[in-house]
Amino acid sequence: MSFNNQSAKHTNLPAILAGLGALPFLASSLFLTLGVYNLPLLGNTAEILRSYSLAIAVFMCGIHWGQYLQDTQARNLNLLMVSNALTLVCWLGFLMASFVAYFVIVIAVFLALLWVDYRLYQGGRITSRYFKMRLAVTAVVCASLALPLSFI
């Protein structure tokens, strides 16, 4: 494999992983919409979606934490405080909120994370390609979280 092919492969890896990461959102949402409330070996479909959304939201907050530590230019957004605040909001919502309220909270968190990425994009800290990928995946994730709510 040539260097250019290997480089292109690594360039696409974040988009591939983000797309694969969106699949559990899509599948869980589809199952809930079709009335499949329990999955063999995995359990309650709503809880699968709820817990997976917490894991991914916290993971995305961790990406911003890492960016804060690595990129002194990105510190004007205070990513350390924003990522911690969003993690706590998501976690407390997971522990304390009803199913519907939690999904509203986690959708808001995903949109806030996208807004942070938009600010990073505006500041030249992330590429246009990465931001467009984040925009597309966030749209899929938020739609997947909102769809089951319309059937409650």
N, C-alpha and C. Protein backbone atom coordinates (compact mmCIF):
# COMPACT_ATOMS: atom_id res chain seq x y z
N MET A 1 0.85 -1.18 0.00
CA MET A 1 0.00 0.00 0.00
C MET A 1 0.89 1.24 0.00
N SER A 2 0.58 2.19 -0.83
CA SER A 2 1.39 3.40 -0.90
C SER A 2 1.06 4.31 0.28
N PHE A 3 1.95 5.25 0.51
CA PHE A 3 1.76 6.19 1.61
C PHE A 3 0.45 6.96 1.47
N ASN A 4 0.14 7.40 0.23
CA ASN A 4 -1.09 8.16 0.00
C ASN A 4 -2.33 7.35 0.31
N ASN A 5 -2.36 6.08 -0.08
CA ASN A 5 -3.51 5.23 0.23
C ASN A 5 -3.64 5.02 1.73
N GLN A 6 -2.52 4.79 2.40
CA GLN A 6 -2.55 4.58 3.84
C GLN A 6 -2.98 5.86 4.55
N SER A 7 -2.50 7.00 4.09
CA SER A 7 -2.87 8.28 4.66
C SER A 7 -4.37 8.54 4.47
N ALA A 8 -4.89 8.25 3.29
CA ALA A 8 -6.32 8.44 3.02
C ALA A 8 -7.15 7.52 3.90
N LYS A 9 -6.65 6.30 4.11
CA LYS A 9 -7.35 5.35 4.95
C LYS A 9 -7.48 5.89 6.38
N HIS A 10 -6.39 6.45 6.91
CA HIS A 10 -6.42 7.00 8.27
C HIS A 10 -7.25 8.28 8.33
N THR A 11 -7.28 9.04 7.25
CA THR A 11 -8.09 10.25 7.21
C THR A 11 -9.57 9.91 7.30
N ASN A 12 -9.98 8.80 6.70
CA ASN A 12 -11.38 8.39 6.72
C ASN A 12 -11.78 7.68 8.01
N LEU A 13 -10.82 7.25 8.81
CA LEU A 13 -11.11 6.47 10.00
C LEU A 13 -12.06 7.18 10.97
N PRO A 14 -11.87 8.46 11.29
CA PRO A 14 -12.84 9.11 12.19
C PRO A 14 -14.27 9.09 11.64
N ALA A 15 -14.42 9.31 10.34
CA ALA A 15 -15.76 9.29 9.74
C ALA A 15 -16.35 7.88 9.78
N ILE A 16 -15.53 6.89 9.53
CA ILE A 16 -16.00 5.50 9.58
C ILE A 16 -16.43 5.15 11.00
N LEU A 17 -15.60 5.48 11.98
CA LEU A 17 -15.93 5.17 13.37
C LEU A 17 -17.17 5.94 13.84
N ALA A 18 -17.29 7.19 13.43
CA ALA A 18 -18.46 7.98 13.81
C ALA A 18 -19.73 7.38 13.20
N GLY A 19 -19.63 6.96 11.95
CA GLY A 19 -20.78 6.33 11.30
C GLY A 19 -21.16 5.03 11.99
N LEU A 20 -20.18 4.22 12.31
CA LEU A 20 -20.46 2.98 13.03
C LEU A 20 -21.03 3.26 14.42
N GLY A 21 -20.54 4.32 15.05
CA GLY A 21 -21.05 4.71 16.36
C GLY A 21 -22.50 5.16 16.34
N ALA A 22 -22.94 5.64 15.19
CA ALA A 22 -24.34 6.06 15.05
C ALA A 22 -25.29 4.88 14.86
N LEU A 23 -24.76 3.74 14.45
CA LEU A 23 -25.62 2.57 14.18
C LEU A 23 -26.45 2.11 15.38
N PRO A 24 -25.90 2.03 16.59
CA PRO A 24 -26.75 1.64 17.72
C PRO A 24 -27.90 2.63 17.98
N PHE A 25 -27.67 3.91 17.71
CA PHE A 25 -28.75 4.89 17.83
C PHE A 25 -29.86 4.57 16.83
N LEU A 26 -29.46 4.36 15.58
CA LEU A 26 -30.43 4.06 14.53
C LEU A 26 -31.18 2.76 14.81
N ALA A 27 -30.45 1.72 15.18
CA ALA A 27 -31.07 0.42 15.41
C ALA A 27 -32.03 0.47 16.60
N SER A 28 -31.59 1.06 17.70
CA SER A 28 -32.45 1.15 18.89
C SER A 28 -33.70 1.97 18.60
N SER A 29 -33.52 3.07 17.90
CA SER A 29 -34.66 3.92 17.55
C SER A 29 -35.64 3.16 16.66
N LEU A 30 -35.11 2.46 15.69
CA LEU A 30 -35.97 1.67 14.80
C LEU A 30 -36.72 0.59 15.58
N PHE A 31 -36.02 -0.12 16.45
CA PHE A 31 -36.68 -1.15 17.26
C PHE A 31 -37.79 -0.56 18.12
N LEU A 32 -37.52 0.56 18.78
CA LEU A 32 -38.55 1.19 19.62
C LEU A 32 -39.74 1.65 18.78
N THR A 33 -39.46 2.22 17.62
CA THR A 33 -40.52 2.68 16.73
C THR A 33 -41.39 1.52 16.25
N LEU A 34 -40.77 0.36 16.05
CA LEU A 34 -41.50 -0.83 15.60
C LEU A 34 -42.13 -1.62 16.76
N GLY A 35 -41.95 -1.13 17.98
CA GLY A 35 -42.54 -1.79 19.13
C GLY A 35 -41.73 -2.96 19.67
N VAL A 36 -40.46 -3.02 19.33
CA VAL A 36 -39.58 -4.07 19.87
C VAL A 36 -38.93 -3.48 21.13
N TYR A 37 -39.46 -3.88 22.29
CA TYR A 37 -39.04 -3.25 23.54
C TYR A 37 -37.99 -4.05 24.31
N ASN A 38 -37.71 -5.25 23.89
CA ASN A 38 -36.67 -6.06 24.52
C ASN A 38 -35.89 -6.79 23.44
N LEU A 39 -34.58 -6.83 23.62
CA LEU A 39 -33.70 -7.53 22.68
C LEU A 39 -33.04 -8.69 23.40
N PRO A 40 -33.02 -9.85 22.78
CA PRO A 40 -32.37 -11.00 23.41
C PRO A 40 -30.93 -10.68 23.79
N LEU A 41 -30.55 -11.09 24.97
CA LEU A 41 -29.21 -10.91 25.54
C LEU A 41 -28.89 -9.47 25.94
N LEU A 42 -29.54 -8.49 25.37
CA LEU A 42 -29.22 -7.10 25.65
C LEU A 42 -30.20 -6.43 26.61
N GLY A 43 -31.45 -6.85 26.58
CA GLY A 43 -32.43 -6.30 27.50
C GLY A 43 -33.34 -5.25 26.89
N ASN A 44 -33.78 -4.35 27.75
CA ASN A 44 -34.74 -3.31 27.42
C ASN A 44 -34.15 -2.36 26.37
N THR A 45 -34.84 -2.22 25.26
CA THR A 45 -34.35 -1.41 24.14
C THR A 45 -34.20 0.06 24.52
N ALA A 46 -35.15 0.58 25.27
CA ALA A 46 -35.07 1.99 25.69
C ALA A 46 -33.85 2.21 26.59
N GLU A 47 -33.58 1.26 27.47
CA GLU A 47 -32.41 1.38 28.35
C GLU A 47 -31.11 1.24 27.58
N ILE A 48 -31.13 0.43 26.55
CA ILE A 48 -29.94 0.30 25.69
C ILE A 48 -29.65 1.66 25.04
N LEU A 49 -30.68 2.28 24.50
CA LEU A 49 -30.52 3.58 23.85
C LEU A 49 -30.12 4.64 24.86
N ARG A 50 -30.74 4.61 26.02
CA ARG A 50 -30.44 5.58 27.08
C ARG A 50 -28.99 5.47 27.54
N SER A 51 -28.55 4.26 27.84
CA SER A 51 -27.18 4.08 28.34
C SER A 51 -26.14 4.34 27.25
N TYR A 52 -26.44 3.95 26.03
CA TYR A 52 -25.50 4.19 24.93
C TYR A 52 -25.37 5.69 24.67
N SER A 53 -26.47 6.41 24.75
CA SER A 53 -26.39 7.86 24.54
C SER A 53 -25.54 8.53 25.62
N LEU A 54 -25.62 8.04 26.85
CA LEU A 54 -24.76 8.56 27.92
C LEU A 54 -23.29 8.29 27.60
N ALA A 55 -23.00 7.04 27.22
CA ALA A 55 -21.61 6.68 26.92
C ALA A 55 -21.04 7.54 25.80
N ILE A 56 -21.79 7.73 24.74
CA ILE A 56 -21.28 8.49 23.60
C ILE A 56 -21.18 9.98 23.93
N ALA A 57 -22.14 10.53 24.65
CA ALA A 57 -22.06 11.95 25.03
C ALA A 57 -20.82 12.20 25.89
N VAL A 58 -20.57 11.32 26.84
CA VAL A 58 -19.39 11.48 27.70
C VAL A 58 -18.11 11.29 26.88
N PHE A 59 -18.12 10.36 25.96
CA PHE A 59 -16.97 10.16 25.07
C PHE A 59 -16.69 11.44 24.28
N MET A 60 -17.73 12.05 23.74
CA MET A 60 -17.56 13.28 22.97
C MET A 60 -17.05 14.42 23.86
N CYS A 61 -17.51 14.47 25.09
CA CYS A 61 -16.98 15.46 26.04
C CYS A 61 -15.49 15.21 26.28
N GLY A 62 -15.12 13.95 26.35
CA GLY A 62 -13.71 13.60 26.54
C GLY A 62 -12.84 14.04 25.37
N ILE A 63 -13.39 14.00 24.18
CA ILE A 63 -12.65 14.49 23.02
C ILE A 63 -12.34 15.98 23.20
N HIS A 64 -13.31 16.74 23.68
CA HIS A 64 -13.07 18.17 23.90
C HIS A 64 -12.06 18.39 25.03
N TRP A 65 -12.12 17.57 26.07
CA TRP A 65 -11.15 17.65 27.15
C TRP A 65 -9.74 17.46 26.57
N GLY A 66 -9.58 16.42 25.76
CA GLY A 66 -8.30 16.13 25.14
C GLY A 66 -7.83 17.27 24.25
N GLN A 67 -8.76 17.86 23.53
CA GLN A 67 -8.39 18.98 22.66
C GLN A 67 -7.90 20.16 23.50
N TYR A 68 -8.55 20.38 24.64
CA TYR A 68 -8.12 21.45 25.54
C TYR A 68 -6.68 21.22 26.00
N LEU A 69 -6.36 19.99 26.34
CA LEU A 69 -5.03 19.67 26.84
C LEU A 69 -3.96 19.76 25.74
N GLN A 70 -4.34 19.43 24.51
CA GLN A 70 -3.37 19.38 23.41
C GLN A 70 -3.20 20.69 22.66
N ASP A 71 -4.21 21.53 22.67
CA ASP A 71 -4.23 22.69 21.77
C ASP A 71 -4.44 23.97 22.58
N THR A 72 -3.37 24.68 22.86
CA THR A 72 -3.49 25.91 23.65
C THR A 72 -4.34 26.96 22.94
N GLN A 73 -4.41 26.90 21.62
CA GLN A 73 -5.23 27.85 20.86
C GLN A 73 -6.73 27.62 21.10
N ALA A 74 -7.10 26.39 21.46
CA ALA A 74 -8.51 26.05 21.67
C ALA A 74 -8.98 26.39 23.07
N ARG A 75 -8.13 26.89 23.90
CA ARG A 75 -8.48 27.13 25.31
C ARG A 75 -9.39 28.33 25.52
N ASN A 76 -9.53 29.18 24.51
CA ASN A 76 -10.42 30.33 24.68
C ASN A 76 -11.88 29.91 24.86
N LEU A 77 -12.23 28.69 24.47
CA LEU A 77 -13.59 28.18 24.70
C LEU A 77 -13.74 27.54 26.07
N ASN A 78 -12.63 27.41 26.78
CA ASN A 78 -12.58 26.73 28.07
C ASN A 78 -13.23 25.35 27.97
N LEU A 79 -12.71 24.57 27.07
CA LEU A 79 -13.25 23.24 26.81
C LEU A 79 -13.23 22.35 28.04
N LEU A 80 -12.29 22.58 28.93
CA LEU A 80 -12.22 21.78 30.15
C LEU A 80 -13.49 21.96 30.98
N MET A 81 -13.91 23.18 31.19
CA MET A 81 -15.11 23.46 31.98
C MET A 81 -16.38 23.04 31.22
N VAL A 82 -16.44 23.34 29.95
CA VAL A 82 -17.61 22.99 29.15
C VAL A 82 -17.80 21.47 29.11
N SER A 83 -16.71 20.74 28.86
CA SER A 83 -16.83 19.28 28.78
C SER A 83 -17.24 18.68 30.12
N ASN A 84 -16.70 19.22 31.21
CA ASN A 84 -17.10 18.72 32.54
C ASN A 84 -18.55 19.05 32.85
N ALA A 85 -18.97 20.25 32.54
CA ALA A 85 -20.36 20.65 32.81
C ALA A 85 -21.34 19.79 32.00
N LEU A 86 -21.04 19.58 30.72
CA LEU A 86 -21.94 18.77 29.89
C LEU A 86 -21.97 17.31 30.35
N THR A 87 -20.83 16.80 30.78
CA THR A 87 -20.78 15.43 31.31
C THR A 87 -21.67 15.32 32.55
N LEU A 88 -21.56 16.27 33.45
CA LEU A 88 -22.37 16.23 34.68
C LEU A 88 -23.86 16.39 34.39
N VAL A 89 -24.21 17.26 33.48
CA VAL A 89 -25.62 17.44 33.10
C VAL A 89 -26.17 16.14 32.55
N CYS A 90 -25.41 15.52 31.68
CA CYS A 90 -25.85 14.26 31.06
C CYS A 90 -25.97 13.15 32.11
N TRP A 91 -24.98 13.02 32.95
CA TRP A 91 -24.98 11.96 33.96
C TRP A 91 -26.11 12.16 34.98
N LEU A 92 -26.27 13.40 35.46
CA LEU A 92 -27.36 13.66 36.41
C LEU A 92 -28.72 13.45 35.76
N GLY A 93 -28.86 13.83 34.50
CA GLY A 93 -30.10 13.57 33.78
C GLY A 93 -30.36 12.08 33.67
N PHE A 94 -29.32 11.32 33.41
CA PHE A 94 -29.44 9.86 33.32
C PHE A 94 -29.93 9.28 34.64
N LEU A 95 -29.39 9.79 35.73
CA LEU A 95 -29.74 9.26 37.06
C LEU A 95 -31.10 9.72 37.55
N MET A 96 -31.49 10.95 37.22
CA MET A 96 -32.64 11.56 37.89
C MET A 96 -33.85 11.83 37.00
N ALA A 97 -33.66 11.95 35.72
CA ALA A 97 -34.76 12.39 34.85
C ALA A 97 -35.57 11.20 34.34
N SER A 98 -36.80 11.51 33.98
CA SER A 98 -37.64 10.51 33.33
C SER A 98 -37.06 10.18 31.96
N PHE A 99 -37.58 9.13 31.36
CA PHE A 99 -37.13 8.71 30.03
C PHE A 99 -37.21 9.87 29.04
N VAL A 100 -38.36 10.51 28.96
CA VAL A 100 -38.56 11.60 28.00
C VAL A 100 -37.64 12.78 28.33
N ALA A 101 -37.59 13.17 29.61
CA ALA A 101 -36.75 14.31 29.99
C ALA A 101 -35.28 14.03 29.72
N TYR A 102 -34.82 12.81 29.98
CA TYR A 102 -33.42 12.47 29.72
C TYR A 102 -33.10 12.61 28.23
N PHE A 103 -33.99 12.13 27.38
CA PHE A 103 -33.72 12.22 25.95
C PHE A 103 -33.67 13.67 25.48
N VAL A 104 -34.50 14.52 26.05
CA VAL A 104 -34.44 15.95 25.73
C VAL A 104 -33.09 16.52 26.20
N ILE A 105 -32.67 16.13 27.40
CA ILE A 105 -31.38 16.59 27.94
C ILE A 105 -30.23 16.14 27.06
N VAL A 106 -30.21 14.87 26.70
CA VAL A 106 -29.06 14.35 25.94
C VAL A 106 -29.05 14.91 24.51
N ILE A 107 -30.21 15.17 23.94
CA ILE A 107 -30.25 15.84 22.63
C ILE A 107 -29.63 17.23 22.77
N ALA A 108 -30.00 17.96 23.83
CA ALA A 108 -29.43 19.29 24.06
C ALA A 108 -27.91 19.21 24.25
N VAL A 109 -27.44 18.18 24.94
CA VAL A 109 -26.00 18.01 25.13
C VAL A 109 -25.31 17.76 23.80
N PHE A 110 -25.88 16.89 22.96
CA PHE A 110 -25.27 16.63 21.65
C PHE A 110 -25.25 17.91 20.80
N LEU A 111 -26.29 18.71 20.88
CA LEU A 111 -26.31 19.97 20.13
C LEU A 111 -25.29 20.96 20.69
N ALA A 112 -25.13 20.98 22.02
CA ALA A 112 -24.11 21.84 22.63
C ALA A 112 -22.71 21.40 22.20
N LEU A 113 -22.48 20.10 22.14
CA LEU A 113 -21.18 19.59 21.68
C LEU A 113 -20.92 19.98 20.22
N LEU A 114 -21.97 19.95 19.42
CA LEU A 114 -21.83 20.38 18.02
C LEU A 114 -21.52 21.87 17.95
N TRP A 115 -22.15 22.66 18.80
CA TRP A 115 -21.88 24.10 18.84
C TRP A 115 -20.41 24.35 19.20
N VAL A 116 -19.89 23.59 20.16
CA VAL A 116 -18.48 23.72 20.52
C VAL A 116 -17.61 23.39 19.31
N ASP A 117 -17.95 22.31 18.60
CA ASP A 117 -17.19 21.96 17.41
C ASP A 117 -17.30 23.05 16.33
N TYR A 118 -18.45 23.68 16.23
CA TYR A 118 -18.60 24.78 15.28
C TYR A 118 -17.66 25.93 15.63
N ARG A 119 -17.59 26.23 16.91
CA ARG A 119 -16.68 27.29 17.36
C ARG A 119 -15.22 26.90 17.09
N LEU A 120 -14.90 25.63 17.30
CA LEU A 120 -13.54 25.15 17.00
C LEU A 120 -13.26 25.24 15.51
N TYR A 121 -14.26 24.92 14.70
CA TYR A 121 -14.12 25.03 13.24
C TYR A 121 -13.91 26.50 12.84
N GLN A 122 -14.72 27.39 13.40
CA GLN A 122 -14.58 28.81 13.10
C GLN A 122 -13.18 29.33 13.45
N GLY A 123 -12.65 28.80 14.54
CA GLY A 123 -11.32 29.22 14.98
C GLY A 123 -10.18 28.50 14.29
N GLY A 124 -10.51 27.65 13.32
CA GLY A 124 -9.47 26.94 12.58
C GLY A 124 -8.84 25.80 13.36
N ARG A 125 -9.50 25.33 14.41
CA ARG A 125 -8.94 24.27 15.26
C ARG A 125 -9.31 22.88 14.76
N ILE A 126 -10.40 22.76 14.00
CA ILE A 126 -10.77 21.49 13.37
C ILE A 126 -11.06 21.76 11.90
N THR A 127 -10.97 20.71 11.10
CA THR A 127 -11.14 20.88 9.65
C THR A 127 -12.62 20.96 9.26
N SER A 128 -12.84 21.49 8.10
CA SER A 128 -14.18 21.53 7.53
C SER A 128 -14.73 20.12 7.37
N ARG A 129 -13.90 19.21 6.93
CA ARG A 129 -14.32 17.82 6.73
C ARG A 129 -14.79 17.19 8.05
N TYR A 130 -14.02 17.41 9.11
CA TYR A 130 -14.40 16.86 10.41
C TYR A 130 -15.70 17.49 10.90
N PHE A 131 -15.82 18.81 10.76
CA PHE A 131 -17.04 19.47 11.23
C PHE A 131 -18.27 18.99 10.45
N LYS A 132 -18.15 18.84 9.15
CA LYS A 132 -19.28 18.35 8.35
C LYS A 132 -19.67 16.94 8.76
N MET A 133 -18.69 16.11 9.06
CA MET A 133 -18.97 14.76 9.53
C MET A 133 -19.70 14.82 10.87
N ARG A 134 -19.23 15.68 11.77
CA ARG A 134 -19.88 15.83 13.08
C ARG A 134 -21.32 16.33 12.93
N LEU A 135 -21.52 17.25 12.02
CA LEU A 135 -22.86 17.78 11.76
C LEU A 135 -23.79 16.67 11.29
N ALA A 136 -23.34 15.88 10.34
CA ALA A 136 -24.17 14.79 9.81
C ALA A 136 -24.46 13.74 10.88
N VAL A 137 -23.46 13.33 11.62
CA VAL A 137 -23.66 12.30 12.65
C VAL A 137 -24.54 12.83 13.77
N THR A 138 -24.35 14.08 14.17
CA THR A 138 -25.20 14.66 15.21
C THR A 138 -26.65 14.72 14.76
N ALA A 139 -26.89 15.04 13.50
CA ALA A 139 -28.26 15.05 12.98
C ALA A 139 -28.89 13.67 13.07
N VAL A 140 -28.14 12.65 12.68
CA VAL A 140 -28.65 11.27 12.74
C VAL A 140 -28.92 10.87 14.19
N VAL A 141 -27.98 11.18 15.08
CA VAL A 141 -28.12 10.81 16.49
C VAL A 141 -29.33 11.52 17.11
N CYS A 142 -29.45 12.82 16.91
CA CYS A 142 -30.56 13.56 17.50
C CYS A 142 -31.91 13.10 16.94
N ALA A 143 -31.97 12.84 15.66
CA ALA A 143 -33.20 12.32 15.06
C ALA A 143 -33.52 10.95 15.63
N SER A 144 -32.50 10.12 15.81
CA SER A 144 -32.70 8.78 16.37
C SER A 144 -33.19 8.84 17.82
N LEU A 145 -32.74 9.83 18.56
CA LEU A 145 -33.19 9.99 19.94
C LEU A 145 -34.60 10.59 20.01
N ALA A 146 -34.92 11.45 19.06
CA ALA A 146 -36.22 12.13 19.07
C ALA A 146 -37.35 11.23 18.53
N LEU A 147 -37.05 10.40 17.57
CA LEU A 147 -38.09 9.58 16.92
C LEU A 147 -38.91 8.75 17.90
N PRO A 148 -38.28 7.99 18.79
CA PRO A 148 -39.10 7.19 19.71
C PRO A 148 -40.00 8.04 20.62
N LEU A 149 -39.59 9.29 20.87
CA LEU A 149 -40.38 10.16 21.73
C LEU A 149 -41.72 10.50 21.10
N SER A 150 -41.79 10.48 19.79
CA SER A 150 -43.03 10.81 19.11
C SER A 150 -44.06 9.69 19.24
N PHE A 151 -43.64 8.52 19.73
CA PHE A 151 -44.56 7.40 19.90
C PHE A 151 -44.94 7.18 21.36
N ILE A 152 -44.47 8.04 22.23
CA ILE A 152 -44.78 7.88 23.67
C ILE A 152 -46.04 8.63 24.02
